[in-house]
PDB file of N, CA and C in Angstrom:
ATOM      1  N   UNK A   1      30.565 236.358 179.455  1.00  0.00           N
ATOM      2  CA  UNK A   1      30.534 236.320 180.913  1.00  0.00           C
ATOM      3  C   UNK A   1      31.049 234.953 181.377  1.00  0.00           C
ATOM      4  N   UNK A   2      32.115 234.938 182.183  1.00  0.00           N
ATOM      5  CA  UNK A   2      32.661 233.663 182.663  1.00  0.00           C
ATOM      6  C   UNK A   2      31.668 232.921 183.557  1.00  0.00           C
ATOM      7  N   UNK A   3      31.692 231.603 183.483  1.00  0.00           N
ATOM      8  CA  UNK A   3      30.848 230.772 184.334  1.00  0.00           C
ATOM      9  C   UNK A   3      31.403 230.822 185.759  1.00  0.00           C
ATOM     10  N   UNK A   4      30.541 230.875 186.772  1.00  0.00           N
ATOM     11  CA  UNK A   4      31.015 230.946 188.162  1.00  0.00           C
ATOM     12  C   UNK A   4      31.964 229.800 188.553  1.00  0.00           C
ATOM     13  N   UNK A   5      31.769 228.622 188.001  1.00  0.00           N
ATOM     14  CA  UNK A   5      32.663 227.500 188.316  1.00  0.00           C
ATOM     15  C   UNK A   5      34.050 227.762 187.751  1.00  0.00           C
ATOM     16  N   UNK A   6      34.125 228.305 186.523  1.00  0.00           N
ATOM     17  CA  UNK A   6      35.421 228.617 185.926  1.00  0.00           C
ATOM     18  C   UNK A   6      36.149 229.685 186.734  1.00  0.00           C
ATOM     19  N   UNK A   7      35.405 230.653 187.227  1.00  0.00           N
ATOM     20  CA  UNK A   7      35.992 231.715 188.058  1.00  0.00           C
ATOM     21  C   UNK A   7      36.515 231.111 189.365  1.00  0.00           C
ATOM     22  N   UNK A   8      35.733 230.229 189.974  1.00  0.00           N
ATOM     23  CA  UNK A   8      36.145 229.594 191.228  1.00  0.00           C
ATOM     24  C   UNK A   8      37.411 228.762 191.037  1.00  0.00           C
ATOM     25  N   UNK A   9      37.440 227.933 190.000  1.00  0.00           N
ATOM     26  CA  UNK A   9      38.613 227.103 189.718  1.00  0.00           C
ATOM     27  C   UNK A   9      39.828 227.997 189.477  1.00  0.00           C
ATOM     28  N   UNK A  10      39.646 229.076 188.724  1.00  0.00           N
ATOM     29  CA  UNK A  10      40.741 230.006 188.464  1.00  0.00           C
ATOM     30  C   UNK A  10      41.274 230.644 189.735  1.00  0.00           C
ATOM     31  N   UNK A  11      40.373 231.001 190.639  1.00  0.00           N
ATOM     32  CA  UNK A  11      40.801 231.586 191.917  1.00  0.00           C
ATOM     33  C   UNK A  11      41.581 230.574 192.734  1.00  0.00           C
ATOM     34  N   UNK A  12      41.154 229.328 192.678  1.00  0.00           N
ATOM     35  CA  UNK A  12      41.859 228.275 193.412  1.00  0.00           C
ATOM     36  C   UNK A  12      43.257 228.055 192.824  1.00  0.00           C
ATOM     37  N   UNK A  13      43.369 228.111 191.508  1.00  0.00           N
ATOM     38  CA  UNK A  13      44.682 227.983 190.867  1.00  0.00           C
ATOM     39  C   UNK A  13      45.582 229.120 191.336  1.00  0.00           C
ATOM     40  N   UNK A  14      45.077 230.349 191.265  1.00  0.00           N
ATOM     41  CA  UNK A  14      45.867 231.514 191.677  1.00  0.00           C
ATOM     42  C   UNK A  14      46.246 231.419 193.152  1.00  0.00           C
ATOM     43  N   UNK A  15      45.290 231.046 193.985  1.00  0.00           N
ATOM     44  CA  UNK A  15      45.533 230.940 195.428  1.00  0.00           C
ATOM     45  C   UNK A  15      46.641 229.929 195.714  1.00  0.00           C
ATOM     46  N   UNK A  16      46.562 228.752 195.122  1.00  0.00           N
ATOM     47  CA  UNK A  16      47.577 227.727 195.381  1.00  0.00           C
ATOM     48  C   UNK A  16      48.931 228.137 194.810  1.00  0.00           C
ATOM     49  N   UNK A  17      48.923 228.730 193.610  1.00  0.00           N
ATOM     50  CA  UNK A  17      50.171 229.180 192.994  1.00  0.00           C
ATOM     51  C   UNK A  17      50.828 230.223 193.893  1.00  0.00           C
ATOM     52  N   UNK A  18      50.032 231.137 194.398  1.00  0.00           N
ATOM     53  CA  UNK A  18      50.522 232.200 195.271  1.00  0.00           C
ATOM     54  C   UNK A  18      51.086 231.619 196.563  1.00  0.00           C
ATOM     55  N   UNK A  19      50.371 230.651 197.149  1.00  0.00           N
ATOM     56  CA  UNK A  19      50.837 230.046 198.399  1.00  0.00           C
ATOM     57  C   UNK A  19      52.140 229.283 198.229  1.00  0.00           C
ATOM     58  N   UNK A  20      52.358 228.715 197.059  1.00  0.00           N
ATOM     59  CA  UNK A  20      53.594 227.966 196.826  1.00  0.00           C
ATOM     60  C   UNK A  20      54.730 228.864 196.372  1.00  0.00           C
ATOM     61  N   UNK A  21      54.427 230.131 196.097  1.00  0.00           N
ATOM     62  CA  UNK A  21      55.464 231.063 195.656  1.00  0.00           C
ATOM     63  C   UNK A  21      55.843 230.900 194.200  1.00  0.00           C
ATOM     64  N   UNK A  22      54.995 230.259 193.441  1.00  0.00           N
ATOM     65  CA  UNK A  22      55.260 230.020 192.026  1.00  0.00           C
ATOM     66  C   UNK A  22      54.711 231.182 191.193  1.00  0.00           C
ATOM     67  N   UNK A  23      55.470 231.600 190.199  1.00  0.00           N
ATOM     68  CA  UNK A  23      54.989 232.651 189.299  1.00  0.00           C
ATOM     69  C   UNK A  23      54.103 232.027 188.219  1.00  0.00           C
ATOM     70  N   UNK A  24      53.365 232.875 187.522  1.00  0.00           N
ATOM     71  CA  UNK A  24      52.570 232.383 186.396  1.00  0.00           C
ATOM     72  C   UNK A  24      53.473 231.757 185.339  1.00  0.00           C
ATOM     73  N   UNK A  25      54.626 232.361 185.129  1.00  0.00           N
ATOM     74  CA  UNK A  25      55.574 231.843 184.148  1.00  0.00           C
ATOM     75  C   UNK A  25      56.058 230.448 184.548  1.00  0.00           C
ATOM     76  N   UNK A  26      56.387 230.268 185.819  1.00  0.00           N
ATOM     77  CA  UNK A  26      56.867 228.971 186.293  1.00  0.00           C
ATOM     78  C   UNK A  26      55.790 227.896 186.155  1.00  0.00           C
ATOM     79  N   UNK A  27      54.559 228.238 186.490  1.00  0.00           N
ATOM     80  CA  UNK A  27      53.467 227.276 186.354  1.00  0.00           C
ATOM     81  C   UNK A  27      53.242 226.940 184.887  1.00  0.00           C
ATOM     82  N   UNK A  28      53.260 227.958 184.048  1.00  0.00           N
ATOM     83  CA  UNK A  28      53.064 227.734 182.613  1.00  0.00           C
ATOM     84  C   UNK A  28      54.129 226.797 182.058  1.00  0.00           C
ATOM     85  N   UNK A  29      55.370 227.021 182.437  1.00  0.00           N
ATOM     86  CA  UNK A  29      56.456 226.162 181.965  1.00  0.00           C
ATOM     87  C   UNK A  29      56.281 224.731 182.463  1.00  0.00           C
ATOM     88  N   UNK A  30      55.807 224.584 183.698  1.00  0.00           N
ATOM     89  CA  UNK A  30      55.623 223.252 184.276  1.00  0.00           C
ATOM     90  C   UNK A  30      54.554 222.444 183.538  1.00  0.00           C
ATOM     91  N   UNK A  31      53.561 223.140 182.970  1.00  0.00           N
ATOM     92  CA  UNK A  31      52.489 222.425 182.261  1.00  0.00           C
ATOM     93  C   UNK A  31      52.582 222.558 180.747  1.00  0.00           C
ATOM     94  N   UNK A  32      53.610 223.262 180.268  1.00  0.00           N
ATOM     95  CA  UNK A  32      53.860 223.345 178.834  1.00  0.00           C
ATOM     96  C   UNK A  32      52.966 224.288 178.052  1.00  0.00           C
ATOM     97  N   UNK A  33      52.629 225.419 178.668  1.00  0.00           N
ATOM     98  CA  UNK A  33      51.814 226.428 177.979  1.00  0.00           C
ATOM     99  C   UNK A  33      52.423 227.804 178.203  1.00  0.00           C
ATOM    100  N   UNK A  34      51.827 228.832 177.611  1.00  0.00           N
ATOM    101  CA  UNK A  34      52.287 230.211 177.783  1.00  0.00           C
ATOM    102  C   UNK A  34      51.666 230.796 179.053  1.00  0.00           C
ATOM    103  N   UNK A  35      52.383 231.735 179.684  1.00  0.00           N
ATOM    104  CA  UNK A  35      51.881 232.310 180.938  1.00  0.00           C
ATOM    105  C   UNK A  35      50.577 233.069 180.734  1.00  0.00           C
ATOM    106  N   UNK A  36      50.354 233.579 179.522  1.00  0.00           N
ATOM    107  CA  UNK A  36      49.102 234.297 179.256  1.00  0.00           C
ATOM    108  C   UNK A  36      47.892 233.368 179.433  1.00  0.00           C
ATOM    109  N   UNK A  37      48.097 232.080 179.130  1.00  0.00           N
ATOM    110  CA  UNK A  37      47.007 231.122 179.304  1.00  0.00           C
ATOM    111  C   UNK A  37      46.707 230.933 180.787  1.00  0.00           C
ATOM    112  N   UNK A  38      47.739 230.920 181.611  1.00  0.00           N
ATOM    113  CA  UNK A  38      47.534 230.830 183.062  1.00  0.00           C
ATOM    114  C   UNK A  38      46.737 232.040 183.538  1.00  0.00           C
ATOM    115  N   UNK A  39      47.072 233.224 183.014  1.00  0.00           N
ATOM    116  CA  UNK A  39      46.326 234.436 183.371  1.00  0.00           C
ATOM    117  C   UNK A  39      44.846 234.266 183.039  1.00  0.00           C
ATOM    118  N   UNK A  40      44.558 233.735 181.873  1.00  0.00           N
ATOM    119  CA  UNK A  40      43.160 233.547 181.453  1.00  0.00           C
ATOM    120  C   UNK A  40      42.456 232.518 182.319  1.00  0.00           C
ATOM    121  N   UNK A  41      43.164 231.447 182.702  1.00  0.00           N
ATOM    122  CA  UNK A  41      42.562 230.461 183.602  1.00  0.00           C
ATOM    123  C   UNK A  41      42.246 231.090 184.949  1.00  0.00           C
ATOM    124  N   UNK A  42      43.194 231.857 185.481  1.00  0.00           N
ATOM    125  CA  UNK A  42      43.031 232.424 186.813  1.00  0.00           C
ATOM    126  C   UNK A  42      41.892 233.431 186.899  1.00  0.00           C
ATOM    127  N   UNK A  43      41.576 234.086 185.808  1.00  0.00           N
ATOM    128  CA  UNK A  43      40.457 235.038 185.814  1.00  0.00           C
ATOM    129  C   UNK A  43      39.136 234.379 185.455  1.00  0.00           C
ATOM    130  N   UNK A  44      39.207 233.134 184.984  1.00  0.00           N
ATOM    131  CA  UNK A  44      37.990 232.450 184.550  1.00  0.00           C
ATOM    132  C   UNK A  44      37.611 232.790 183.134  1.00  0.00           C
ATOM    133  N   UNK A  45      38.438 233.578 182.446  1.00  0.00           N
ATOM    134  CA  UNK A  45      38.143 233.956 181.069  1.00  0.00           C
ATOM    135  C   UNK A  45      38.165 232.736 180.145  1.00  0.00           C
ATOM    136  N   UNK A  46      39.058 231.784 180.444  1.00  0.00           N
ATOM    137  CA  UNK A  46      39.136 230.530 179.688  1.00  0.00           C
ATOM    138  C   UNK A  46      38.890 229.366 180.634  1.00  0.00           C
ATOM    139  N   UNK A  47      38.179 228.375 180.114  1.00  0.00           N
ATOM    140  CA  UNK A  47      37.955 227.158 180.892  1.00  0.00           C
ATOM    141  C   UNK A  47      39.191 226.282 180.855  1.00  0.00           C
ATOM    142  N   UNK A  48      39.404 225.558 181.943  1.00  0.00           N
ATOM    143  CA  UNK A  48      40.534 224.642 182.036  1.00  0.00           C
ATOM    144  C   UNK A  48      40.013 223.246 181.701  1.00  0.00           C
ATOM    145  N   UNK A  49      40.629 222.599 180.715  1.00  0.00           N
ATOM    146  CA  UNK A  49      40.218 221.234 180.369  1.00  0.00           C
ATOM    147  C   UNK A  49      40.602 220.290 181.502  1.00  0.00           C
ATOM    148  N   UNK A  50      39.991 219.133 181.518  1.00  0.00           N
ATOM    149  CA  UNK A  50      40.259 218.150 182.569  1.00  0.00           C
ATOM    150  C   UNK A  50      41.726 217.734 182.580  1.00  0.00           C
ATOM    151  N   UNK A  51      42.290 217.480 181.408  1.00  0.00           N
ATOM    152  CA  UNK A  51      43.687 217.044 181.353  1.00  0.00           C
ATOM    153  C   UNK A  51      44.637 218.161 181.771  1.00  0.00           C
ATOM    154  N   UNK A  52      44.317 219.391 181.414  1.00  0.00           N
ATOM    155  CA  UNK A  52      45.163 220.524 181.812  1.00  0.00           C
ATOM    156  C   UNK A  52      45.045 220.759 183.312  1.00  0.00           C
ATOM    157  N   UNK A  53      43.840 220.604 183.860  1.00  0.00           N
ATOM    158  CA  UNK A  53      43.662 220.763 185.302  1.00  0.00           C
ATOM    159  C   UNK A  53      44.455 219.697 186.050  1.00  0.00           C
ATOM    160  N   UNK A  54      44.513 218.504 185.487  1.00  0.00           N
ATOM    161  CA  UNK A  54      45.310 217.421 186.068  1.00  0.00           C
ATOM    162  C   UNK A  54      46.785 217.820 186.112  1.00  0.00           C
ATOM    163  N   UNK A  55      47.285 218.380 184.992  1.00  0.00           N
ATOM    164  CA  UNK A  55      48.683 218.817 184.925  1.00  0.00           C
ATOM    165  C   UNK A  55      48.964 219.945 185.910  1.00  0.00           C
ATOM    166  N   UNK A  56      48.037 220.877 186.020  1.00  0.00           N
ATOM    167  CA  UNK A  56      48.197 221.998 186.955  1.00  0.00           C
ATOM    168  C   UNK A  56      48.211 221.478 188.395  1.00  0.00           C
ATOM    169  N   UNK A  57      47.339 220.527 188.695  1.00  0.00           N
ATOM    170  CA  UNK A  57      47.298 219.949 190.040  1.00  0.00           C
ATOM    171  C   UNK A  57      48.628 219.283 190.375  1.00  0.00           C
ATOM    172  N   UNK A  58      49.204 218.565 189.419  1.00  0.00           N
ATOM    173  CA  UNK A  58      50.507 217.933 189.654  1.00  0.00           C
ATOM    174  C   UNK A  58      51.588 218.983 189.888  1.00  0.00           C
ATOM    175  N   UNK A  59      51.588 220.035 189.086  1.00  0.00           N
ATOM    176  CA  UNK A  59      52.600 221.089 189.219  1.00  0.00           C
ATOM    177  C   UNK A  59      52.480 221.820 190.555  1.00  0.00           C
ATOM    178  N   UNK A  60      51.240 221.975 191.039  1.00  0.00           N
ATOM    179  CA  UNK A  60      51.003 222.681 192.296  1.00  0.00           C
ATOM    180  C   UNK A  60      50.926 221.738 193.501  1.00  0.00           C
ATOM    181  N   UNK A  61      51.125 220.453 193.231  1.00  0.00           N
ATOM    182  CA  UNK A  61      51.171 219.435 194.280  1.00  0.00           C
ATOM    183  C   UNK A  61      49.903 219.386 195.129  1.00  0.00           C
ATOM    184  N   UNK A  62      48.754 219.328 194.443  1.00  0.00           N
ATOM    185  CA  UNK A  62      47.466 219.165 195.110  1.00  0.00           C
ATOM    186  C   UNK A  62      46.633 218.153 194.324  1.00  0.00           C
ATOM    187  N   UNK A  63      45.597 217.630 194.966  1.00  0.00           N
ATOM    188  CA  UNK A  63      44.646 216.783 194.265  1.00  0.00           C
ATOM    189  C   UNK A  63      43.770 217.672 193.384  1.00  0.00           C
ATOM    190  N   UNK A  64      43.243 217.113 192.319  1.00  0.00           N
ATOM    191  CA  UNK A  64      42.369 217.873 191.426  1.00  0.00           C
ATOM    192  C   UNK A  64      41.164 218.417 192.195  1.00  0.00           C
ATOM    193  N   UNK A  65      40.708 217.676 193.182  1.00  0.00           N
ATOM    194  CA  UNK A  65      39.547 218.111 193.966  1.00  0.00           C
ATOM    195  C   UNK A  65      39.776 219.445 194.678  1.00  0.00           C
ATOM    196  N   UNK A  66      41.042 219.801 194.918  1.00  0.00           N
ATOM    197  CA  UNK A  66      41.358 221.069 195.579  1.00  0.00           C
ATOM    198  C   UNK A  66      40.713 222.248 194.859  1.00  0.00           C
ATOM    199  N   UNK A  67      40.680 222.194 193.541  1.00  0.00           N
ATOM    200  CA  UNK A  67      40.181 223.320 192.759  1.00  0.00           C
ATOM    201  C   UNK A  67      38.678 223.512 192.900  1.00  0.00           C
ATOM    202  N   UNK A  68      37.993 222.507 193.437  1.00  0.00           N
ATOM    203  CA  UNK A  68      36.547 222.594 193.610  1.00  0.00           C
ATOM    204  C   UNK A  68      36.144 222.773 195.065  1.00  0.00           C
ATOM    205  N   UNK A  69      37.130 222.803 195.977  1.00  0.00           N
ATOM    206  CA  UNK A  69      36.834 223.012 197.391  1.00  0.00           C
ATOM    207  C   UNK A  69      36.067 224.315 197.580  1.00  0.00           C
ATOM    208  N   UNK A  70      35.034 224.270 198.403  1.00  0.00           N
ATOM    209  CA  UNK A  70      34.251 225.460 198.706  1.00  0.00           C
ATOM    210  C   UNK A  70      33.179 225.776 197.685  1.00  0.00           C
ATOM    211  N   UNK A  71      33.110 225.003 196.633  1.00  0.00           N
ATOM    212  CA  UNK A  71      32.118 225.231 195.581  1.00  0.00           C
ATOM    213  C   UNK A  71      30.820 224.540 195.963  1.00  0.00           C
ATOM    214  N   UNK A  72      29.729 225.285 195.977  1.00  0.00           N
ATOM    215  CA  UNK A  72      28.432 224.692 196.288  1.00  0.00           C
ATOM    216  C   UNK A  72      27.511 224.825 195.092  1.00  0.00           C
ATOM    217  N   UNK A  73      26.595 223.909 194.995  1.00  0.00           N
ATOM    218  CA  UNK A  73      25.650 223.913 193.876  1.00  0.00           C
ATOM    219  C   UNK A  73      24.791 225.183 193.895  1.00  0.00           C
ATOM    220  N   UNK A  74      24.392 225.586 195.080  1.00  0.00           N
ATOM    221  CA  UNK A  74      23.521 226.759 195.199  1.00  0.00           C
ATOM    222  C   UNK A  74      24.238 228.053 194.812  1.00  0.00           C
ATOM    223  N   UNK A  75      25.497 228.169 195.244  1.00  0.00           N
ATOM    224  CA  UNK A  75      26.241 229.410 195.015  1.00  0.00           C
ATOM    225  C   UNK A  75      26.850 229.473 193.627  1.00  0.00           C
ATOM    226  N   UNK A  76      27.192 228.309 193.093  1.00  0.00           N
ATOM    227  CA  UNK A  76      27.929 228.292 191.836  1.00  0.00           C
ATOM    228  C   UNK A  76      29.353 228.755 192.032  1.00  0.00           C
ATOM    229  N   UNK A  77      29.763 228.862 193.256  1.00  0.00           N
ATOM    230  CA  UNK A  77      31.112 229.304 193.595  1.00  0.00           C
ATOM    231  C   UNK A  77      31.236 229.392 195.089  1.00  0.00           C
ATOM    232  N   UNK A  78      32.378 229.789 195.557  1.00  0.00           N
ATOM    233  CA  UNK A  78      32.604 229.899 196.988  1.00  0.00           C
ATOM    234  C   UNK A  78      33.861 230.688 197.258  1.00  0.00           C
ATOM    235  N   UNK A  79      34.207 230.777 198.506  1.00  0.00           N
ATOM    236  CA  UNK A  79      35.423 231.492 198.874  1.00  0.00           C
ATOM    237  C   UNK A  79      36.625 230.575 198.733  1.00  0.00           C
ATOM    238  N   UNK A  80      37.785 231.146 198.484  1.00  0.00           N
ATOM    239  CA  UNK A  80      38.994 230.339 198.338  1.00  0.00           C
ATOM    240  C   UNK A  80      39.686 230.127 199.669  1.00  0.00           C
ATOM    241  N   UNK A  81      39.335 230.908 200.674  1.00  0.00           N
ATOM    242  CA  UNK A  81      39.896 230.735 202.007  1.00  0.00           C
ATOM    243  C   UNK A  81      38.754 230.703 203.017  1.00  0.00           C
ATOM    244  N   UNK A  82      38.857 229.847 204.029  1.00  0.00           N
ATOM    245  CA  UNK A  82      37.825 229.858 205.062  1.00  0.00           C
ATOM    246  C   UNK A  82      37.763 231.221 205.737  1.00  0.00           C
ATOM    247  N   UNK A  83      36.587 231.628 206.145  1.00  0.00           N
ATOM    248  CA  UNK A  83      36.396 232.949 206.740  1.00  0.00           C
ATOM    249  C   UNK A  83      37.240 233.152 207.984  1.00  0.00           C
ATOM    250  N   UNK A  84      37.439 232.080 208.774  1.00  0.00           N
ATOM    251  CA  UNK A  84      38.223 232.248 209.991  1.00  0.00           C
ATOM    252  C   UNK A  84      39.692 232.561 209.691  1.00  0.00           C
ATOM    253  N   UNK A  85      40.209 232.122 208.552  1.00  0.00           N
ATOM    254  CA  UNK A  85      41.589 232.447 208.173  1.00  0.00           C
ATOM    255  C   UNK A  85      41.668 233.874 207.649  1.00  0.00           C
ATOM    256  N   UNK A  86      40.701 234.269 206.858  1.00  0.00           N
ATOM    257  CA  UNK A  86      40.702 235.610 206.294  1.00  0.00           C
ATOM    258  C   UNK A  86      40.674 236.658 207.407  1.00  0.00           C
ATOM    259  N   UNK A  87      39.925 236.397 208.468  1.00  0.00           N
ATOM    260  CA  UNK A  87      39.815 237.352 209.566  1.00  0.00           C
ATOM    261  C   UNK A  87      40.861 237.181 210.648  1.00  0.00           C
ATOM    262  N   UNK A  88      41.742 236.222 210.504  1.00  0.00           N
ATOM    263  CA  UNK A  88      42.748 235.944 211.527  1.00  0.00           C
ATOM    264  C   UNK A  88      44.012 236.748 211.236  1.00  0.00           C
ATOM    265  N   UNK A  89      44.277 237.764 212.077  1.00  0.00           N
ATOM    266  CA  UNK A  89      45.440 238.634 211.879  1.00  0.00           C
ATOM    267  C   UNK A  89      46.739 237.844 211.920  1.00  0.00           C
ATOM    268  N   UNK A  90      46.833 236.879 212.820  1.00  0.00           N
ATOM    269  CA  UNK A  90      48.047 236.075 212.930  1.00  0.00           C
ATOM    270  C   UNK A  90      48.316 235.300 211.636  1.00  0.00           C
ATOM    271  N   UNK A  91      47.277 234.724 211.041  1.00  0.00           N
ATOM    272  CA  UNK A  91      47.443 233.972 209.796  1.00  0.00           C
ATOM    273  C   UNK A  91      47.891 234.892 208.661  1.00  0.00           C
ATOM    274  N   UNK A  92      47.308 236.073 208.588  1.00  0.00           N
ATOM    275  CA  UNK A  92      47.701 237.019 207.541  1.00  0.00           C
ATOM    276  C   UNK A  92      49.130 237.513 207.742  1.00  0.00           C
ATOM    277  N   UNK A  93      49.508 237.761 208.998  1.00  0.00           N
ATOM    278  CA  UNK A  93      50.891 238.170 209.288  1.00  0.00           C
ATOM    279  C   UNK A  93      51.873 237.058 208.916  1.00  0.00           C
ATOM    280  N   UNK A  94      51.483 235.827 209.188  1.00  0.00           N
ATOM    281  CA  UNK A  94      52.334 234.690 208.851  1.00  0.00           C
ATOM    282  C   UNK A  94      52.545 234.591 207.336  1.00  0.00           C
ATOM    283  N   UNK A  95      51.480 234.768 206.575  1.00  0.00           N
ATOM    284  CA  UNK A  95      51.590 234.714 205.113  1.00  0.00           C
ATOM    285  C   UNK A  95      52.461 235.847 204.598  1.00  0.00           C
ATOM    286  N   UNK A  96      52.270 237.045 205.120  1.00  0.00           N
ATOM    287  CA  UNK A  96      53.096 238.184 204.690  1.00  0.00           C
ATOM    288  C   UNK A  96      54.569 237.943 205.017  1.00  0.00           C
ATOM    289  N   UNK A  97      54.825 237.445 206.203  1.00  0.00           N
ATOM    290  CA  UNK A  97      56.212 237.164 206.607  1.00  0.00           C
ATOM    291  C   UNK A  97      56.820 236.078 205.737  1.00  0.00           C
ATOM    292  N   UNK A  98      56.041 235.072 205.438  1.00  0.00           N
ATOM    293  CA  UNK A  98      56.502 233.963 204.595  1.00  0.00           C
ATOM    294  C   UNK A  98      56.968 234.481 203.237  1.00  0.00           C
ATOM    295  N   UNK A  99      56.195 235.380 202.638  1.00  0.00           N
ATOM    296  CA  UNK A  99      56.556 235.886 201.319  1.00  0.00           C
ATOM    297  C   UNK A  99      57.656 236.940 201.353  1.00  0.00           C
ATOM    298  N   UNK A 100      58.050 237.365 202.549  1.00  0.00           N
ATOM    299  CA  UNK A 100      59.196 238.270 202.676  1.00  0.00           C
ATOM    300  C   UNK A 100      60.515 237.498 202.687  1.00  0.00           C
ATOM    301  N   UNK A 101      60.438 236.178 202.854  1.00  0.00           N
ATOM    302  CA  UNK A 101      61.626 235.316 202.878  1.00  0.00           C
ATOM    303  C   UNK A 101      62.079 235.069 201.435  1.00  0.00           C
ATOM    304  N   UNK A 102      63.391 235.057 201.176  1.00  0.00           N
ATOM    305  CA  UNK A 102      63.880 234.751 199.824  1.00  0.00           C
ATOM    306  C   UNK A 102      63.328 233.405 199.327  1.00  0.00           C
ATOM    307  N   UNK A 103      63.089 233.322 198.016  1.00  0.00           N
ATOM    308  CA  UNK A 103      62.383 232.171 197.438  1.00  0.00           C
ATOM    309  C   UNK A 103      63.007 230.819 197.763  1.00  0.00           C
ATOM    310  N   UNK A 104      64.328 230.701 197.681  1.00  0.00           N
ATOM    311  CA  UNK A 104      64.945 229.397 197.942  1.00  0.00           C
ATOM    312  C   UNK A 104      64.752 228.971 199.399  1.00  0.00           C
ATOM    313  N   UNK A 105      64.847 229.906 200.321  1.00  0.00           N
ATOM    314  CA  UNK A 105      64.627 229.597 201.736  1.00  0.00           C
ATOM    315  C   UNK A 105      63.146 229.345 202.001  1.00  0.00           C
ATOM    316  N   UNK A 106      62.302 230.093 201.309  1.00  0.00           N
ATOM    317  CA  UNK A 106      60.855 229.945 201.469  1.00  0.00           C
ATOM    318  C   UNK A 106      60.418 228.535 201.073  1.00  0.00           C
ATOM    319  N   UNK A 107      60.981 228.017 199.991  1.00  0.00           N
ATOM    320  CA  UNK A 107      60.632 226.668 199.540  1.00  0.00           C
ATOM    321  C   UNK A 107      61.045 225.624 200.582  1.00  0.00           C
ATOM    322  N   UNK A 108      62.207 225.815 201.186  1.00  0.00           N
ATOM    323  CA  UNK A 108      62.661 224.879 202.215  1.00  0.00           C
ATOM    324  C   UNK A 108      61.767 224.959 203.456  1.00  0.00           C
ATOM    325  N   UNK A 109      61.355 226.167 203.814  1.00  0.00           N
ATOM    326  CA  UNK A 109      60.446 226.335 204.941  1.00  0.00           C
ATOM    327  C   UNK A 109      59.100 225.677 204.644  1.00  0.00           C
ATOM    328  N   UNK A 110      58.626 225.831 203.429  1.00  0.00           N
ATOM    329  CA  UNK A 110      57.370 225.216 203.012  1.00  0.00           C
ATOM    330  C   UNK A 110      57.451 223.694 203.132  1.00  0.00           C
ATOM    331  N   UNK A 111      58.554 223.116 202.655  1.00  0.00           N
ATOM    332  CA  UNK A 111      58.747 221.668 202.750  1.00  0.00           C
ATOM    333  C   UNK A 111      58.772 221.215 204.214  1.00  0.00           C
ATOM    334  N   UNK A 112      59.439 221.982 205.065  1.00  0.00           N
ATOM    335  CA  UNK A 112      59.478 221.663 206.490  1.00  0.00           C
ATOM    336  C   UNK A 112      58.075 221.706 207.097  1.00  0.00           C
ATOM    337  N   UNK A 113      57.319 222.732 206.768  1.00  0.00           N
ATOM    338  CA  UNK A 113      55.953 222.866 207.297  1.00  0.00           C
ATOM    339  C   UNK A 113      55.093 221.695 206.840  1.00  0.00           C
ATOM    340  N   UNK A 114      55.246 221.279 205.608  1.00  0.00           N
ATOM    341  CA  UNK A 114      54.476 220.149 205.084  1.00  0.00           C
ATOM    342  C   UNK A 114      54.812 218.880 205.874  1.00  0.00           C
ATOM    343  N   UNK A 115      56.091 218.625 206.121  1.00  0.00           N
ATOM    344  CA  UNK A 115      56.506 217.439 206.876  1.00  0.00           C
ATOM    345  C   UNK A 115      55.951 217.501 208.292  1.00  0.00           C
ATOM    346  N   UNK A 116      56.068 218.657 208.927  1.00  0.00           N
ATOM    347  CA  UNK A 116      55.566 218.805 210.297  1.00  0.00           C
ATOM    348  C   UNK A 116      54.064 218.593 210.378  1.00  0.00           C
ATOM    349  N   UNK A 117      53.324 219.059 209.373  1.00  0.00           N
ATOM    350  CA  UNK A 117      51.865 218.889 209.392  1.00  0.00           C
ATOM    351  C   UNK A 117      51.469 217.438 209.193  1.00  0.00           C
ATOM    352  N   UNK A 118      52.305 216.671 208.511  1.00  0.00           N
ATOM    353  CA  UNK A 118      51.992 215.259 208.279  1.00  0.00           C
ATOM    354  C   UNK A 118      52.210 214.421 209.533  1.00  0.00           C
ATOM    355  N   UNK A 119      53.119 214.841 210.392  1.00  0.00           N
ATOM    356  CA  UNK A 119      53.396 214.070 211.603  1.00  0.00           C
ATOM    357  C   UNK A 119      52.556 214.546 212.789  1.00  0.00           C
ATOM    358  N   UNK A 120      51.898 215.661 212.632  1.00  0.00           N
ATOM    359  CA  UNK A 120      51.097 216.217 213.734  1.00  0.00           C
ATOM    360  C   UNK A 120      49.801 215.435 213.937  1.00  0.00           C
TER     361      UNK A 120
END
């Protein structure tokens, strides 16, 4: 039985990978492992070592702390998205539309959004 923290970290990895448009294969190549290992991390079946989590964070362009966001001591886990985003039709439509854009254009749009959010 996977530990709730491992499941939470795995969900955060999958969530961030999905948001960046990266495949499991691409992430695996970026950190020097097989994509099957990424699958095991994302399900919580395998624990992610500290050094591997560091490499994954670099590949996904987030701080290591991102993988623990929403995790509480009482719950042993948490949601990967805030409830207000999950229930927001506009946010879900935006995500669906974003992933309908071809990958090369999507990456450029993502970079633009990141720059705009930093100056806001």
